[in-house]
All heavy atoms as atom14 arrays in JSON, in Angstrom:
{
  "sequence": "IASVTGDAPFLPLDLVARLGAARRAGGAPIAMAASGGREHFTTAL",
  "atom14_mask": [
    [1, 1, 1, 1, 1, 1, 1, 1, 0, 0, 0, 0, 0, 0],
    [1, 1, 1, 1, 1, 0, 0, 0, 0, 0, 0, 0, 0, 0],
    [1, 1, 1, 1, 1, 1, 0, 0, 0, 0, 0, 0, 0, 0],
    [1, 1, 1, 1, 1, 1, 1, 0, 0, 0, 0, 0, 0, 0],
    [1, 1, 1, 1, 1, 1, 1, 0, 0, 0, 0, 0, 0, 0],
    [1, 1, 1, 1, 0, 0, 0, 0, 0, 0, 0, 0, 0, 0],
    [1, 1, 1, 1, 1, 1, 1, 1, 0, 0, 0, 0, 0, 0],
    [1, 1, 1, 1, 1, 0, 0, 0, 0, 0, 0, 0, 0, 0],
    [1, 1, 1, 1, 1, 1, 1, 0, 0, 0, 0, 0, 0, 0],
    [1, 1, 1, 1, 1, 1, 1, 1, 1, 1, 1, 0, 0, 0],
    [1, 1, 1, 1, 1, 1, 1, 1, 0, 0, 0, 0, 0, 0],
    [1, 1, 1, 1, 1, 1, 1, 0, 0, 0, 0, 0, 0, 0],
    [1, 1, 1, 1, 1, 1, 1, 1, 0, 0, 0, 0, 0, 0],
    [1, 1, 1, 1, 1, 1, 1, 1, 0, 0, 0, 0, 0, 0],
    [1, 1, 1, 1, 1, 1, 1, 1, 0, 0, 0, 0, 0, 0],
    [1, 1, 1, 1, 1, 1, 1, 0, 0, 0, 0, 0, 0, 0],
    [1, 1, 1, 1, 1, 0, 0, 0, 0, 0, 0, 0, 0, 0],
    [1, 1, 1, 1, 1, 1, 1, 1, 1, 1, 1, 0, 0, 0],
    [1, 1, 1, 1, 1, 1, 1, 1, 0, 0, 0, 0, 0, 0],
    [1, 1, 1, 1, 0, 0, 0, 0, 0, 0, 0, 0, 0, 0],
    [1, 1, 1, 1, 1, 0, 0, 0, 0, 0, 0, 0, 0, 0],
    [1, 1, 1, 1, 1, 0, 0, 0, 0, 0, 0, 0, 0, 0],
    [1, 1, 1, 1, 1, 1, 1, 1, 1, 1, 1, 0, 0, 0],
    [1, 1, 1, 1, 1, 1, 1, 1, 1, 1, 1, 0, 0, 0],
    [1, 1, 1, 1, 1, 0, 0, 0, 0, 0, 0, 0, 0, 0],
    [1, 1, 1, 1, 0, 0, 0, 0, 0, 0, 0, 0, 0, 0],
    [1, 1, 1, 1, 0, 0, 0, 0, 0, 0, 0, 0, 0, 0],
    [1, 1, 1, 1, 1, 0, 0, 0, 0, 0, 0, 0, 0, 0],
    [1, 1, 1, 1, 1, 1, 1, 0, 0, 0, 0, 0, 0, 0],
    [1, 1, 1, 1, 1, 1, 1, 1, 0, 0, 0, 0, 0, 0],
    [1, 1, 1, 1, 1, 0, 0, 0, 0, 0, 0, 0, 0, 0],
    [1, 1, 1, 1, 1, 1, 1, 1, 0, 0, 0, 0, 0, 0],
    [1, 1, 1, 1, 1, 0, 0, 0, 0, 0, 0, 0, 0, 0],
    [1, 1, 1, 1, 1, 0, 0, 0, 0, 0, 0, 0, 0, 0],
    [1, 1, 1, 1, 1, 1, 0, 0, 0, 0, 0, 0, 0, 0],
    [1, 1, 1, 1, 0, 0, 0, 0, 0, 0, 0, 0, 0, 0],
    [1, 1, 1, 1, 0, 0, 0, 0, 0, 0, 0, 0, 0, 0],
    [1, 1, 1, 1, 1, 1, 1, 1, 1, 1, 1, 0, 0, 0],
    [1, 1, 1, 1, 1, 1, 1, 1, 1, 0, 0, 0, 0, 0],
    [1, 1, 1, 1, 1, 1, 1, 1, 1, 1, 0, 0, 0, 0],
    [1, 1, 1, 1, 1, 1, 1, 1, 1, 1, 1, 0, 0, 0],
    [1, 1, 1, 1, 1, 1, 1, 0, 0, 0, 0, 0, 0, 0],
    [1, 1, 1, 1, 1, 1, 1, 0, 0, 0, 0, 0, 0, 0],
    [1, 1, 1, 1, 1, 0, 0, 0, 0, 0, 0, 0, 0, 0],
    [1, 1, 1, 1, 1, 1, 1, 1, 0, 0, 0, 0, 0, 0]
  ],
  "atom14_positions": [
    [[109.61, 101.65, 62.52], [109.54, 100.21, 62.27], [109.13, 99.5, 63.55], [109.48, 99.91, 64.66], [110.88, 99.64, 61.75], [111.96, 99.73, 62.81], [111.31, 100.3, 60.46], [113.15, 98.82, 62.56], [0.0, 0.0, 0.0], [0.0, 0.0, 0.0], [0.0, 0.0, 0.0], [0.0, 0.0, 0.0], [0.0, 0.0, 0.0], [0.0, 0.0, 0.0]],
    [[108.35, 98.45, 63.38], [107.95, 97.6, 64.49], [108.74, 96.3, 64.41], [108.64, 95.59, 63.41], [106.45, 97.32, 64.43], [0.0, 0.0, 0.0], [0.0, 0.0, 0.0], [0.0, 0.0, 0.0], [0.0, 0.0, 0.0], [0.0, 0.0, 0.0], [0.0, 0.0, 0.0], [0.0, 0.0, 0.0], [0.0, 0.0, 0.0], [0.0, 0.0, 0.0]],
    [[109.52, 96.02, 65.43], [110.32, 94.8, 65.42], [109.71, 93.76, 66.35], [109.26, 94.07, 67.45], [111.76, 95.09, 65.86], [111.81, 95.51, 67.22], [0.0, 0.0, 0.0], [0.0, 0.0, 0.0], [0.0, 0.0, 0.0], [0.0, 0.0, 0.0], [0.0, 0.0, 0.0], [0.0, 0.0, 0.0], [0.0, 0.0, 0.0], [0.0, 0.0, 0.0]],
    [[109.68, 92.52, 65.87], [109.24, 91.39, 66.67], [110.17, 90.22, 66.37], [110.9, 90.24, 65.39], [107.77, 90.98, 66.38], [106.82, 92.16, 66.6], [107.63, 90.45, 64.95], [0.0, 0.0, 0.0], [0.0, 0.0, 0.0], [0.0, 0.0, 0.0], [0.0, 0.0, 0.0], [0.0, 0.0, 0.0], [0.0, 0.0, 0.0], [0.0, 0.0, 0.0]],
    [[110.11, 89.19, 67.2], [110.91, 88.0, 66.94], [110.07, 86.98, 66.18], [108.83, 87.0, 66.24], [111.42, 87.38, 68.25], [110.3, 87.06, 69.09], [112.34, 88.36, 68.97], [0.0, 0.0, 0.0], [0.0, 0.0, 0.0], [0.0, 0.0, 0.0], [0.0, 0.0, 0.0], [0.0, 0.0, 0.0], [0.0, 0.0, 0.0], [0.0, 0.0, 0.0]],
    [[110.73, 86.09, 65.48], [110.03, 85.12, 64.66], [109.56, 83.9, 65.41], [109.11, 82.92, 64.79], [0.0, 0.0, 0.0], [0.0, 0.0, 0.0], [0.0, 0.0, 0.0], [0.0, 0.0, 0.0], [0.0, 0.0, 0.0], [0.0, 0.0, 0.0], [0.0, 0.0, 0.0], [0.0, 0.0, 0.0], [0.0, 0.0, 0.0], [0.0, 0.0, 0.0]],
    [[109.64, 83.94, 66.75], [109.26, 82.78, 67.55], [108.21, 83.12, 68.6], [108.12, 82.47, 69.64], [110.5, 82.18, 68.24], [111.19, 83.19, 69.16], [110.74, 84.35, 69.25], [112.2, 82.81, 69.79], [0.0, 0.0, 0.0], [0.0, 0.0, 0.0], [0.0, 0.0, 0.0], [0.0, 0.0, 0.0], [0.0, 0.0, 0.0], [0.0, 0.0, 0.0]],
    [[107.41, 84.19, 68.34], [106.42, 84.65, 69.31], [105.02, 84.55, 68.69], [104.52, 85.52, 68.11], [106.72, 86.09, 69.73], [0.0, 0.0, 0.0], [0.0, 0.0, 0.0], [0.0, 0.0, 0.0], [0.0, 0.0, 0.0], [0.0, 0.0, 0.0], [0.0, 0.0, 0.0], [0.0, 0.0, 0.0], [0.0, 0.0, 0.0], [0.0, 0.0, 0.0]],
    [[104.37, 83.4, 68.81], [103.12, 83.16, 68.06], [101.88, 83.82, 68.64], [100.81, 83.73, 68.04], [102.99, 81.63, 68.12], [103.67, 81.24, 69.39], [104.83, 82.19, 69.51], [0.0, 0.0, 0.0], [0.0, 0.0, 0.0], [0.0, 0.0, 0.0], [0.0, 0.0, 0.0], [0.0, 0.0, 0.0], [0.0, 0.0, 0.0], [0.0, 0.0, 0.0]],
    [[102.01, 84.5, 69.8], [100.82, 85.08, 70.43], [100.87, 86.61, 70.48], [100.24, 87.23, 71.33], [100.67, 84.53, 71.85], [100.54, 83.04, 71.92], [101.58, 82.27, 72.43], [99.41, 82.39, 71.45], [101.48, 80.89, 72.49], [99.3, 81.02, 71.51], [100.33, 80.25, 72.03], [0.0, 0.0, 0.0], [0.0, 0.0, 0.0], [0.0, 0.0, 0.0]],
    [[101.58, 87.23, 69.59], [101.72, 88.68, 69.61], [100.36, 89.38, 69.7], [99.41, 88.99, 69.04], [102.43, 89.16, 68.34], [103.92, 88.83, 68.22], [104.4, 89.19, 66.81], [104.73, 89.59, 69.26], [0.0, 0.0, 0.0], [0.0, 0.0, 0.0], [0.0, 0.0, 0.0], [0.0, 0.0, 0.0], [0.0, 0.0, 0.0], [0.0, 0.0, 0.0]],
    [[100.28, 90.46, 70.5], [99.0, 91.18, 70.6], [98.64, 91.9, 69.32], [99.51, 92.41, 68.61], [99.24, 92.17, 71.75], [100.71, 92.27, 71.91], [101.31, 91.0, 71.4], [0.0, 0.0, 0.0], [0.0, 0.0, 0.0], [0.0, 0.0, 0.0], [0.0, 0.0, 0.0], [0.0, 0.0, 0.0], [0.0, 0.0, 0.0], [0.0, 0.0, 0.0]],
    [[97.35, 91.94, 69.05], [96.87, 92.57, 67.83], [96.85, 94.1, 67.95], [96.61, 94.79, 66.95], [95.48, 92.05, 67.49], [95.4, 90.54, 67.21], [93.96, 90.11, 66.96], [96.29, 90.16, 66.02], [0.0, 0.0, 0.0], [0.0, 0.0, 0.0], [0.0, 0.0, 0.0], [0.0, 0.0, 0.0], [0.0, 0.0, 0.0], [0.0, 0.0, 0.0]],
    [[97.1, 94.61, 69.16], [97.18, 96.06, 69.35], [98.62, 96.51, 69.64], [98.84, 97.58, 70.19], [96.25, 96.51, 70.48], [96.58, 95.87, 71.83], [97.46, 94.96, 71.87], [95.98, 96.28, 72.85], [0.0, 0.0, 0.0], [0.0, 0.0, 0.0], [0.0, 0.0, 0.0], [0.0, 0.0, 0.0], [0.0, 0.0, 0.0], [0.0, 0.0, 0.0]],
    [[99.57, 95.69, 69.25], [100.98, 95.97, 69.57], [101.43, 97.32, 69.02], [101.91, 98.18, 69.76], [101.87, 94.85, 69.0], [103.38, 95.04, 69.22], [103.73, 94.89, 70.68], [104.17, 94.05, 68.37], [0.0, 0.0, 0.0], [0.0, 0.0, 0.0], [0.0, 0.0, 0.0], [0.0, 0.0, 0.0], [0.0, 0.0, 0.0], [0.0, 0.0, 0.0]],
    [[101.27, 97.52, 67.72], [101.77, 98.75, 67.1], [100.99, 99.97, 67.59], [101.57, 101.02, 67.87], [101.71, 98.63, 65.57], [102.07, 99.96, 64.91], [102.66, 97.54, 65.08], [0.0, 0.0, 0.0], [0.0, 0.0, 0.0], [0.0, 0.0, 0.0], [0.0, 0.0, 0.0], [0.0, 0.0, 0.0], [0.0, 0.0, 0.0], [0.0, 0.0, 0.0]],
    [[99.68, 99.82, 67.74], [98.87, 100.96, 68.2], [99.28, 101.41, 69.59], [99.46, 102.62, 69.84], [97.39, 100.58, 68.17], [0.0, 0.0, 0.0], [0.0, 0.0, 0.0], [0.0, 0.0, 0.0], [0.0, 0.0, 0.0], [0.0, 0.0, 0.0], [0.0, 0.0, 0.0], [0.0, 0.0, 0.0], [0.0, 0.0, 0.0], [0.0, 0.0, 0.0]],
    [[99.45, 100.49, 70.51], [99.79, 100.87, 71.88], [101.23, 101.38, 71.99], [101.49, 102.35, 72.7], [99.57, 99.69, 72.83], [98.09, 99.37, 73.07], [97.91, 98.45, 74.27], [98.44, 99.08, 75.47], [98.81, 98.39, 76.57], [98.71, 97.07, 76.57], [99.27, 99.02, 77.62], [0.0, 0.0, 0.0], [0.0, 0.0, 0.0], [0.0, 0.0, 0.0]],
    [[102.15, 100.73, 71.3], [103.53, 101.22, 71.32], [103.61, 102.6, 70.68], [104.34, 103.48, 71.17], [104.46, 100.25, 70.6], [104.71, 98.9, 71.27], [105.68, 98.06, 70.42], [105.27, 99.06, 72.68], [0.0, 0.0, 0.0], [0.0, 0.0, 0.0], [0.0, 0.0, 0.0], [0.0, 0.0, 0.0], [0.0, 0.0, 0.0], [0.0, 0.0, 0.0]],
    [[102.88, 102.81, 69.6], [102.9, 104.11, 68.93], [102.35, 105.21, 69.82], [102.9, 106.32, 69.87], [0.0, 0.0, 0.0], [0.0, 0.0, 0.0], [0.0, 0.0, 0.0], [0.0, 0.0, 0.0], [0.0, 0.0, 0.0], [0.0, 0.0, 0.0], [0.0, 0.0, 0.0], [0.0, 0.0, 0.0], [0.0, 0.0, 0.0], [0.0, 0.0, 0.0]],
    [[101.25, 104.91, 70.52], [100.66, 105.91, 71.41], [101.63, 106.26, 72.53], [101.77, 107.43, 72.91], [99.35, 105.38, 71.98], [0.0, 0.0, 0.0], [0.0, 0.0, 0.0], [0.0, 0.0, 0.0], [0.0, 0.0, 0.0], [0.0, 0.0, 0.0], [0.0, 0.0, 0.0], [0.0, 0.0, 0.0], [0.0, 0.0, 0.0], [0.0, 0.0, 0.0]],
    [[102.31, 105.25, 73.08], [103.27, 105.51, 74.16], [104.47, 106.3, 73.67], [104.98, 107.18, 74.37], [103.72, 104.18, 74.76], [0.0, 0.0, 0.0], [0.0, 0.0, 0.0], [0.0, 0.0, 0.0], [0.0, 0.0, 0.0], [0.0, 0.0, 0.0], [0.0, 0.0, 0.0], [0.0, 0.0, 0.0], [0.0, 0.0, 0.0], [0.0, 0.0, 0.0]],
    [[104.92, 105.98, 72.46], [106.07, 106.71, 71.91], [105.73, 108.18, 71.7], [106.52, 109.07, 72.04], [106.5, 106.05, 70.59], [107.91, 106.43, 70.16], [108.41, 105.55, 69.04], [107.91, 105.96, 67.74], [108.36, 107.02, 67.07], [109.27, 107.82, 67.6], [107.88, 107.32, 65.88], [0.0, 0.0, 0.0], [0.0, 0.0, 0.0], [0.0, 0.0, 0.0]],
    [[104.54, 108.44, 71.18], [104.13, 109.83, 70.97], [103.94, 110.56, 72.3], [104.39, 111.7, 72.47], [102.83, 109.87, 70.16], [103.01, 109.46, 68.7], [101.77, 109.77, 67.89], [100.6, 109.03, 68.37], [100.28, 107.81, 67.98], [101.04, 107.17, 67.09], [99.19, 107.21, 68.44], [0.0, 0.0, 0.0], [0.0, 0.0, 0.0], [0.0, 0.0, 0.0]],
    [[103.28, 109.89, 73.25], [103.01, 110.53, 74.54], [104.3, 110.83, 75.3], [104.4, 111.85, 75.98], [102.1, 109.64, 75.38], [0.0, 0.0, 0.0], [0.0, 0.0, 0.0], [0.0, 0.0, 0.0], [0.0, 0.0, 0.0], [0.0, 0.0, 0.0], [0.0, 0.0, 0.0], [0.0, 0.0, 0.0], [0.0, 0.0, 0.0], [0.0, 0.0, 0.0]],
    [[105.27, 109.93, 75.18], [106.52, 110.12, 75.9], [107.56, 110.93, 75.15], [108.62, 111.25, 75.7], [0.0, 0.0, 0.0], [0.0, 0.0, 0.0], [0.0, 0.0, 0.0], [0.0, 0.0, 0.0], [0.0, 0.0, 0.0], [0.0, 0.0, 0.0], [0.0, 0.0, 0.0], [0.0, 0.0, 0.0], [0.0, 0.0, 0.0], [0.0, 0.0, 0.0]],
    [[107.27, 111.26, 73.89], [108.23, 111.99, 73.09], [109.54, 111.24, 72.92], [110.62, 111.85, 72.82], [0.0, 0.0, 0.0], [0.0, 0.0, 0.0], [0.0, 0.0, 0.0], [0.0, 0.0, 0.0], [0.0, 0.0, 0.0], [0.0, 0.0, 0.0], [0.0, 0.0, 0.0], [0.0, 0.0, 0.0], [0.0, 0.0, 0.0], [0.0, 0.0, 0.0]],
    [[109.45, 109.9, 72.9], [110.65, 109.06, 72.84], [110.79, 108.44, 71.45], [109.8, 108.19, 70.77], [110.58, 107.95, 73.88], [0.0, 0.0, 0.0], [0.0, 0.0, 0.0], [0.0, 0.0, 0.0], [0.0, 0.0, 0.0], [0.0, 0.0, 0.0], [0.0, 0.0, 0.0], [0.0, 0.0, 0.0], [0.0, 0.0, 0.0], [0.0, 0.0, 0.0]],
    [[112.02, 108.14, 71.03], [112.21, 107.51, 69.73], [111.9, 106.02, 69.72], [111.78, 105.41, 68.66], [113.69, 107.76, 69.42], [114.33, 107.86, 70.76], [113.31, 108.49, 71.66], [0.0, 0.0, 0.0], [0.0, 0.0, 0.0], [0.0, 0.0, 0.0], [0.0, 0.0, 0.0], [0.0, 0.0, 0.0], [0.0, 0.0, 0.0], [0.0, 0.0, 0.0]],
    [[111.78, 105.42, 70.92], [111.55, 103.97, 71.02], [110.51, 103.69, 72.1], [110.54, 104.3, 73.18], [112.85, 103.21, 71.38], [114.0, 103.58, 70.45], [112.62, 101.7, 71.36], [115.36, 103.07, 70.92], [0.0, 0.0, 0.0], [0.0, 0.0, 0.0], [0.0, 0.0, 0.0], [0.0, 0.0, 0.0], [0.0, 0.0, 0.0], [0.0, 0.0, 0.0]],
    [[109.61, 102.77, 71.81], [108.73, 102.19, 72.83], [108.87, 100.68, 72.74], [108.99, 100.13, 71.64], [107.28, 102.61, 72.62], [0.0, 0.0, 0.0], [0.0, 0.0, 0.0], [0.0, 0.0, 0.0], [0.0, 0.0, 0.0], [0.0, 0.0, 0.0], [0.0, 0.0, 0.0], [0.0, 0.0, 0.0], [0.0, 0.0, 0.0], [0.0, 0.0, 0.0]],
    [[108.89, 100.01, 73.89], [109.09, 98.56, 73.9], [108.02, 97.86, 74.7], [107.42, 98.43, 75.62], [110.47, 98.22, 74.46], [110.67, 98.65, 75.89], [112.33, 98.28, 76.49], [112.35, 99.28, 77.99], [0.0, 0.0, 0.0], [0.0, 0.0, 0.0], [0.0, 0.0, 0.0], [0.0, 0.0, 0.0], [0.0, 0.0, 0.0], [0.0, 0.0, 0.0]],
    [[107.79, 96.61, 74.37], [106.78, 95.81, 75.04], [107.31, 95.27, 76.36], [108.51, 95.08, 76.55], [106.33, 94.66, 74.14], [0.0, 0.0, 0.0], [0.0, 0.0, 0.0], [0.0, 0.0, 0.0], [0.0, 0.0, 0.0], [0.0, 0.0, 0.0], [0.0, 0.0, 0.0], [0.0, 0.0, 0.0], [0.0, 0.0, 0.0], [0.0, 0.0, 0.0]],
    [[106.37, 95.01, 77.28], [106.7, 94.4, 78.57], [105.54, 93.52, 79.0], [104.39, 93.74, 78.6], [106.98, 95.47, 79.62], [0.0, 0.0, 0.0], [0.0, 0.0, 0.0], [0.0, 0.0, 0.0], [0.0, 0.0, 0.0], [0.0, 0.0, 0.0], [0.0, 0.0, 0.0], [0.0, 0.0, 0.0], [0.0, 0.0, 0.0], [0.0, 0.0, 0.0]],
    [[105.85, 92.51, 79.8], [104.81, 91.64, 80.36], [105.41, 90.86, 81.52], [106.6, 90.54, 81.51], [104.25, 90.68, 79.31], [105.25, 89.76, 78.87], [0.0, 0.0, 0.0], [0.0, 0.0, 0.0], [0.0, 0.0, 0.0], [0.0, 0.0, 0.0], [0.0, 0.0, 0.0], [0.0, 0.0, 0.0], [0.0, 0.0, 0.0], [0.0, 0.0, 0.0]],
    [[104.58, 90.58, 82.51], [105.04, 89.77, 83.62], [106.28, 90.31, 84.31], [107.1, 89.53, 84.81], [0.0, 0.0, 0.0], [0.0, 0.0, 0.0], [0.0, 0.0, 0.0], [0.0, 0.0, 0.0], [0.0, 0.0, 0.0], [0.0, 0.0, 0.0], [0.0, 0.0, 0.0], [0.0, 0.0, 0.0], [0.0, 0.0, 0.0], [0.0, 0.0, 0.0]],
    [[106.43, 91.62, 84.35], [107.59, 92.23, 85.0], [108.86, 92.2, 84.18], [109.94, 92.55, 84.67], [0.0, 0.0, 0.0], [0.0, 0.0, 0.0], [0.0, 0.0, 0.0], [0.0, 0.0, 0.0], [0.0, 0.0, 0.0], [0.0, 0.0, 0.0], [0.0, 0.0, 0.0], [0.0, 0.0, 0.0], [0.0, 0.0, 0.0], [0.0, 0.0, 0.0]],
    [[108.76, 91.79, 82.9], [109.94, 91.72, 82.03], [109.76, 92.66, 80.84], [108.66, 92.79, 80.3], [110.15, 90.29, 81.5], [110.52, 89.29, 82.55], [110.7, 87.91, 81.93], [111.65, 87.92, 80.82], [111.38, 87.5, 79.6], [110.18, 87.04, 79.29], [112.33, 87.52, 78.67], [0.0, 0.0, 0.0], [0.0, 0.0, 0.0], [0.0, 0.0, 0.0]],
    [[110.85, 93.29, 80.45], [110.84, 94.11, 79.25], [111.37, 93.28, 78.08], [112.33, 92.54, 78.23], [111.71, 95.35, 79.46], [111.13, 96.3, 80.51], [112.04, 97.49, 80.79], [113.25, 97.41, 80.48], [111.54, 98.49, 81.34], [0.0, 0.0, 0.0], [0.0, 0.0, 0.0], [0.0, 0.0, 0.0], [0.0, 0.0, 0.0], [0.0, 0.0, 0.0]],
    [[110.7, 93.4, 76.94], [111.06, 92.62, 75.76], [111.76, 93.55, 74.77], [111.11, 94.22, 73.96], [109.81, 91.98, 75.18], [109.03, 91.17, 76.19], [109.5, 89.97, 76.68], [107.86, 91.41, 76.82], [108.64, 89.49, 77.56], [107.64, 90.35, 77.67], [0.0, 0.0, 0.0], [0.0, 0.0, 0.0], [0.0, 0.0, 0.0], [0.0, 0.0, 0.0]],
    [[113.07, 93.57, 74.84], [113.86, 94.58, 74.14], [113.67, 94.57, 72.63], [113.72, 95.62, 71.99], [115.34, 94.39, 74.45], [115.72, 94.63, 75.88], [116.9, 94.09, 76.39], [114.93, 95.39, 76.72], [117.27, 94.31, 77.71], [115.29, 95.61, 78.04], [116.46, 95.07, 78.53], [0.0, 0.0, 0.0], [0.0, 0.0, 0.0], [0.0, 0.0, 0.0]],
    [[113.47, 93.41, 72.05], [113.41, 93.33, 70.59], [111.98, 93.37, 70.05], [111.77, 93.26, 68.84], [114.12, 92.07, 70.07], [113.6, 90.92, 70.75], [115.62, 92.16, 70.32], [0.0, 0.0, 0.0], [0.0, 0.0, 0.0], [0.0, 0.0, 0.0], [0.0, 0.0, 0.0], [0.0, 0.0, 0.0], [0.0, 0.0, 0.0], [0.0, 0.0, 0.0]],
    [[111.0, 93.52, 70.95], [109.62, 93.75, 70.52], [109.35, 95.22, 70.79], [109.0, 95.62, 71.9], [108.64, 92.85, 71.29], [109.02, 91.49, 71.1], [107.22, 93.04, 70.78], [0.0, 0.0, 0.0], [0.0, 0.0, 0.0], [0.0, 0.0, 0.0], [0.0, 0.0, 0.0], [0.0, 0.0, 0.0], [0.0, 0.0, 0.0], [0.0, 0.0, 0.0]],
    [[109.57, 96.03, 69.78], [109.61, 97.47, 70.02], [109.28, 98.25, 68.75], [109.23, 97.69, 67.65], [111.0, 97.87, 70.53], [0.0, 0.0, 0.0], [0.0, 0.0, 0.0], [0.0, 0.0, 0.0], [0.0, 0.0, 0.0], [0.0, 0.0, 0.0], [0.0, 0.0, 0.0], [0.0, 0.0, 0.0], [0.0, 0.0, 0.0], [0.0, 0.0, 0.0]],
    [[109.07, 99.54, 68.95], [108.81, 100.46, 67.86], [109.95, 101.47, 67.84], [110.27, 102.08, 68.86], [107.47, 101.17, 68.11], [106.68, 101.73, 66.94], [106.35, 100.64, 65.93], [105.4, 102.38, 67.44], [0.0, 0.0, 0.0], [0.0, 0.0, 0.0], [0.0, 0.0, 0.0], [0.0, 0.0, 0.0], [0.0, 0.0, 0.0], [0.0, 0.0, 0.0]]
  ]
}
C-alpha cells in the first residue's frame, strides 16, 4: 500500500515507482519519502 496525507497537493507523479524500486533494491518492507533533509514518515510504501 502507498500511504499519503490528504493535505499534500504537490505529490510527485513518480512516488510509487521510486519507492517501489527502493523497497525492492533494499529488500525492505517499507520505503519512505524524504525531501529537504526531512523524512516524511506517513508518505511511504
